[in-house]
Amino acid sequence: MKKGMIFSLFIVLAMIVSGCSNNAIEPDSQFGNKMQPFKVTDQNGKPFAQKDMKGKVYIADFIFTKCETVCPPMTYNMSSVIDELEKDGVKDYGVISFSVDPENDTPQKLKDYVKQYNAPQDKWTLVTNYDFKFIKQYAEDNFKSIVAPPPKGSTQVTHGTSFYLIDQNGKIIKTYSGQDAGDKKFPKSEIVSDVKTLVEDGPVK
């Protein structure tokens, strides 16, 4: 009888421990690092810093307003993720898009650019007001992503097309393709699901 009671207690305790454990997503092997601090300017001309992201799950990417190739589908895809999260009533999340053409991308240009996608701007922060050297190094050091100046005779900056999942403590967790890649479709459902998981479970420990 005592053995049966002990076994039952063990099961109950195991369930309690399981229920209290952190079930958040495990970081990709190349990530798990925290974003370095930064101070920039958003599309409304207001200061924005890495510390302003604390407490929310973020999706990040790199774009620029004069982009003629990958940015339009990437930005459309980001807006579709936001639409899905809004439809599902998710609250504590945000999106941050770093301009890779800060010399051209003024706050007003970024504001006009994102208006085309009818996304709530309290959720989507587009940032600029730094030099090219900063964003090149920041993308490489934090996101393992390339940002390179335009080839001679071109206005098109070379940059990565990934989206990045960032937890409530600024830790970079996971990367996704920001557009269709060969036979693989843009992973909108996976991104939405992962954001919800982090919002519900809390930051990765």
Protein backbone atom coordinates (compact mmCIF):
# COMPACT_ATOMS: atom_id res chain seq x y z
CA MET A 1 0.00 0.00 0.00
CA LYS A 2 2.78 2.36 0.97
CA LYS A 3 4.63 1.56 -2.24
CA GLY A 4 1.49 2.36 -4.22
CA MET A 5 1.10 5.69 -2.44
CA ILE A 6 4.76 6.57 -3.01
CA PHE A 7 4.45 5.72 -6.69
CA SER A 8 1.31 7.87 -7.00
CA LEU A 9 3.05 10.79 -5.30
CA PHE A 10 6.00 10.39 -7.65
CA ILE A 11 3.69 10.60 -10.66
CA VAL A 12 1.94 13.71 -9.30
CA LEU A 13 5.28 15.42 -8.59
CA ALA A 14 6.57 14.54 -12.04
CA MET A 15 3.48 16.12 -13.58
CA ILE A 16 3.91 19.27 -11.48
CA VAL A 17 7.58 19.58 -12.43
CA SER A 18 6.72 19.01 -16.07
CA GLY A 19 4.00 21.64 -15.93
CA CYS A 20 6.42 24.18 -14.44
CA SER A 21 9.29 23.51 -16.82
CA ASN A 22 10.25 25.89 -19.61
CA ASN A 23 8.99 24.44 -22.87
CA ALA A 24 10.34 27.24 -25.06
CA ILE A 25 12.11 26.52 -28.34
CA GLU A 26 15.72 25.40 -28.24
CA PRO A 27 18.09 27.84 -30.00
CA ASP A 28 19.58 26.87 -33.36
CA SER A 29 23.14 25.64 -32.95
CA GLN A 30 24.64 28.82 -34.46
CA PHE A 31 22.60 31.12 -32.24
CA GLY A 32 21.64 31.49 -28.59
CA ASN A 33 23.60 34.75 -28.35
CA LYS A 34 22.09 37.98 -27.06
CA MET A 35 21.86 40.96 -29.38
CA GLN A 36 24.46 43.62 -28.73
CA PRO A 37 23.12 46.97 -27.49
CA PHE A 38 22.25 49.58 -30.11
CA LYS A 39 20.68 53.05 -30.30
CA VAL A 40 18.93 53.94 -33.54
CA THR A 41 15.93 55.91 -34.86
CA ASP A 42 12.57 54.42 -35.82
CA GLN A 43 10.24 55.33 -38.69
CA ASN A 44 8.55 57.94 -36.52
CA GLY A 45 11.83 59.74 -35.88
CA LYS A 46 11.94 58.55 -32.28
CA PRO A 47 14.92 56.92 -30.51
CA PHE A 48 14.84 53.15 -30.30
CA ALA A 49 17.29 50.90 -28.46
CA GLN A 50 17.84 47.20 -27.91
CA LYS A 51 16.58 47.60 -24.34
CA ASP A 52 13.19 48.73 -25.74
CA MET A 53 12.69 45.20 -27.06
CA LYS A 54 12.89 43.61 -23.61
CA GLY A 55 9.80 41.69 -22.52
CA LYS A 56 8.52 40.98 -26.04
CA VAL A 57 9.20 38.31 -28.64
CA TYR A 58 10.57 39.86 -31.83
CA ILE A 59 11.05 38.85 -35.45
CA ALA A 60 13.93 40.68 -37.16
CA ASP A 61 15.04 41.14 -40.75
CA PHE A 62 17.19 43.36 -42.98
CA ILE A 63 15.64 45.39 -45.82
CA PHE A 64 15.87 48.73 -47.66
CA THR A 65 13.26 50.84 -49.41
CA LYS A 66 14.97 51.02 -52.84
CA CYS A 67 15.35 47.24 -53.02
CA GLU A 68 14.11 45.91 -56.37
CA THR A 69 14.41 42.17 -55.77
CA VAL A 70 14.11 40.33 -52.45
CA CYS A 71 12.72 43.02 -50.11
CA PRO A 72 9.20 43.37 -51.55
CA PRO A 73 8.37 39.64 -51.11
CA MET A 74 10.13 39.57 -47.74
CA THR A 75 8.20 42.58 -46.49
CA TYR A 76 4.93 41.17 -47.79
CA ASN A 77 5.68 37.90 -46.00
CA MET A 78 6.47 39.76 -42.77
CA SER A 79 3.16 41.60 -43.04
CA SER A 80 1.36 38.28 -43.49
CA VAL A 81 2.96 36.97 -40.28
CA ILE A 82 1.78 40.09 -38.43
CA ASP A 83 -1.72 39.66 -39.88
CA GLU A 84 -1.85 36.08 -38.58
CA LEU A 85 -0.57 37.02 -35.12
CA GLU A 86 -3.09 39.87 -34.89
CA LYS A 87 -5.91 37.60 -36.01
CA ASP A 88 -4.94 35.13 -33.29
CA GLY A 89 -4.87 37.85 -30.63
CA VAL A 90 -1.17 37.56 -29.79
CA LYS A 91 -0.06 40.59 -27.77
CA ASP A 92 3.53 40.59 -26.55
CA TYR A 93 5.43 40.51 -29.83
CA GLY A 94 7.05 42.94 -32.24
CA VAL A 95 8.89 43.12 -35.55
CA ILE A 96 12.12 45.03 -36.18
CA SER A 97 13.44 45.70 -39.68
CA PHE A 98 16.96 47.12 -39.97
CA SER A 99 17.64 49.27 -43.02
CA VAL A 100 20.82 48.24 -44.85
CA ASP A 101 20.76 51.53 -46.79
CA PRO A 102 20.74 54.06 -43.93
CA GLU A 103 22.15 56.89 -46.07
CA ASN A 104 19.01 56.81 -48.22
CA ASP A 105 16.42 55.42 -45.79
CA THR A 106 15.28 58.35 -43.69
CA PRO A 107 12.62 57.72 -41.03
CA GLN A 108 9.99 59.25 -43.34
CA LYS A 109 10.94 56.95 -46.23
CA LEU A 110 10.68 53.94 -43.93
CA LYS A 111 7.31 55.15 -42.67
CA ASP A 112 5.97 55.59 -46.22
CA TYR A 113 7.37 52.20 -47.19
CA VAL A 114 5.70 50.22 -44.42
CA LYS A 115 2.36 52.02 -44.89
CA GLN A 116 1.94 50.11 -48.15
CA TYR A 117 1.53 46.89 -46.17
CA ASN A 118 -1.28 48.08 -43.84
CA ALA A 119 0.34 46.53 -40.76
CA PRO A 120 -0.09 48.05 -37.28
CA GLN A 121 2.95 50.28 -36.80
CA ASP A 122 2.88 49.85 -33.05
CA LYS A 123 4.00 46.28 -33.79
CA TRP A 124 6.46 46.97 -36.61
CA THR A 125 9.57 49.06 -35.99
CA LEU A 126 11.79 50.01 -38.93
CA VAL A 127 15.12 51.54 -37.95
CA THR A 128 17.85 53.74 -39.42
CA ASN A 129 20.13 56.68 -38.47
CA TYR A 130 23.45 54.82 -38.32
CA ASP A 131 26.24 54.44 -40.83
CA PHE A 132 26.73 51.56 -43.25
CA LYS A 133 29.76 50.29 -41.36
CA PHE A 134 27.62 49.82 -38.24
CA ILE A 135 24.86 47.78 -39.88
CA LYS A 136 27.36 45.68 -41.83
CA GLN A 137 29.18 44.74 -38.63
CA TYR A 138 26.01 44.41 -36.55
CA ALA A 139 24.42 41.97 -39.00
CA GLU A 140 27.59 39.88 -39.14
CA ASP A 141 28.34 39.84 -35.40
CA ASN A 142 24.78 39.23 -34.17
CA PHE A 143 22.89 37.45 -36.94
CA LYS A 144 25.73 35.78 -38.88
CA SER A 145 24.36 37.60 -41.93
CA ILE A 146 26.04 39.42 -44.79
CA VAL A 147 25.51 43.09 -45.66
CA ALA A 148 27.67 44.33 -48.53
CA PRO A 149 27.72 47.62 -50.49
CA PRO A 150 26.20 47.75 -53.97
CA PRO A 151 28.35 46.56 -56.87
CA LYS A 152 29.79 49.32 -59.03
CA GLY A 153 27.06 51.02 -61.06
CA SER A 154 24.24 49.60 -58.91
CA THR A 155 22.10 50.92 -56.05
CA GLN A 156 21.26 47.46 -54.76
CA VAL A 157 22.78 46.53 -51.40
CA THR A 158 23.58 42.85 -50.91
CA HIS A 159 22.02 41.44 -47.75
CA GLY A 160 20.59 38.29 -46.22
CA THR A 161 16.96 37.31 -46.67
CA SER A 162 16.36 35.48 -43.40
CA PHE A 163 13.94 36.25 -40.58
CA TYR A 164 15.17 35.82 -37.01
CA LEU A 165 13.27 34.87 -33.85
CA ILE A 166 14.35 36.79 -30.73
CA ASP A 167 13.14 36.03 -27.22
CA GLN A 168 12.05 38.40 -24.44
CA ASN A 169 15.64 38.79 -23.20
CA GLY A 170 17.08 39.70 -26.59
CA LYS A 171 18.46 36.23 -27.30
CA ILE A 172 18.49 35.20 -30.98
CA ILE A 173 16.84 31.80 -31.11
CA LYS A 174 16.12 30.69 -34.64
CA THR A 175 16.31 31.63 -38.32
CA TYR A 176 13.86 31.12 -41.19
CA SER A 177 13.83 31.84 -44.90
CA GLY A 178 12.11 35.18 -45.47
CA GLN A 179 10.78 34.08 -48.85
CA ASP A 180 10.03 30.99 -50.90
CA ALA A 181 13.21 28.96 -51.31
CA GLY A 182 13.19 26.50 -54.20
CA ASP A 183 10.52 23.89 -53.52
CA LYS A 184 10.02 25.16 -49.96
CA LYS A 185 7.33 27.72 -49.32
CA PHE A 186 7.79 30.62 -46.93
CA PRO A 187 7.30 29.05 -43.45
CA LYS A 188 4.63 31.42 -42.15
CA SER A 189 2.85 28.84 -40.00
CA GLU A 190 6.10 27.78 -38.34
CA ILE A 191 7.05 31.37 -37.51
CA VAL A 192 3.60 32.15 -36.08
CA SER A 193 3.65 28.96 -34.02
CA ASP A 194 7.15 29.68 -32.66
CA VAL A 195 6.24 33.25 -31.69
CA LYS A 196 3.19 31.96 -29.83
CA THR A 197 5.30 29.34 -28.05
CA LEU A 198 7.79 31.92 -26.81
CA VAL A 199 5.04 34.34 -25.77
CA GLU A 200 3.31 31.60 -23.78
CA ASP A 201 6.37 29.82 -22.35
CA GLY A 202 8.65 32.79 -21.73
CA PRO A 203 12.28 33.38 -22.69
CA VAL A 204 14.73 30.59 -23.32
CA LYS A 205 16.87 29.80 -20.27
